[in-house]
């Protein structure tokens, strides 16, 4: 609790003086190889010439704040940032935000804040306690209401390169 109070004071001072609050970042990348259905134990290298993005995120707080900048594989599709719990089809996944890429370049730049109300990864996720998978997927491939993937077009997905931890802390956003 003391740590949270100190962080809130530091962030408050930074915001008051107009200093941006830096977020931890991870890379999201298009994979050069992926299996169907997904095998969580398989290593999939990033395609060095493929689409990619950077995800900045809040590692703790009452809401999961994020910002994404990059390029998606399919410029003609909307994309949704999700938390994906293994195994397939990711039952219990969370949709965090949606964006429409630039129609010519596939560029995306969006941010948001999602109330999750729990730590990530969630209990029951095969990646727990190691970390949570955050993906940027075509919106047509995910059922946000049913909380699972409904299609597997792995070459159109930007996958995490590092799993993250998010610690939910109750309070005002």
Foldseek 3Di string as FASTA:
>chain_A
DVVVVVVVVVCVVCVVVPHDDFFDKFKWAQFPDADVPGDVVDDTHGDPPGWMKMKGWHQEEQWIKIKIWTAFRALQFKKWKKWAFDDPQRQPIATFDIDHADNPTRIDIDIDIGRDPAKPPDPPRPCPPVAIKIKIAGPVQDDNVRRGGNDPPRSRMTTTPGGGIHGYDDDDD
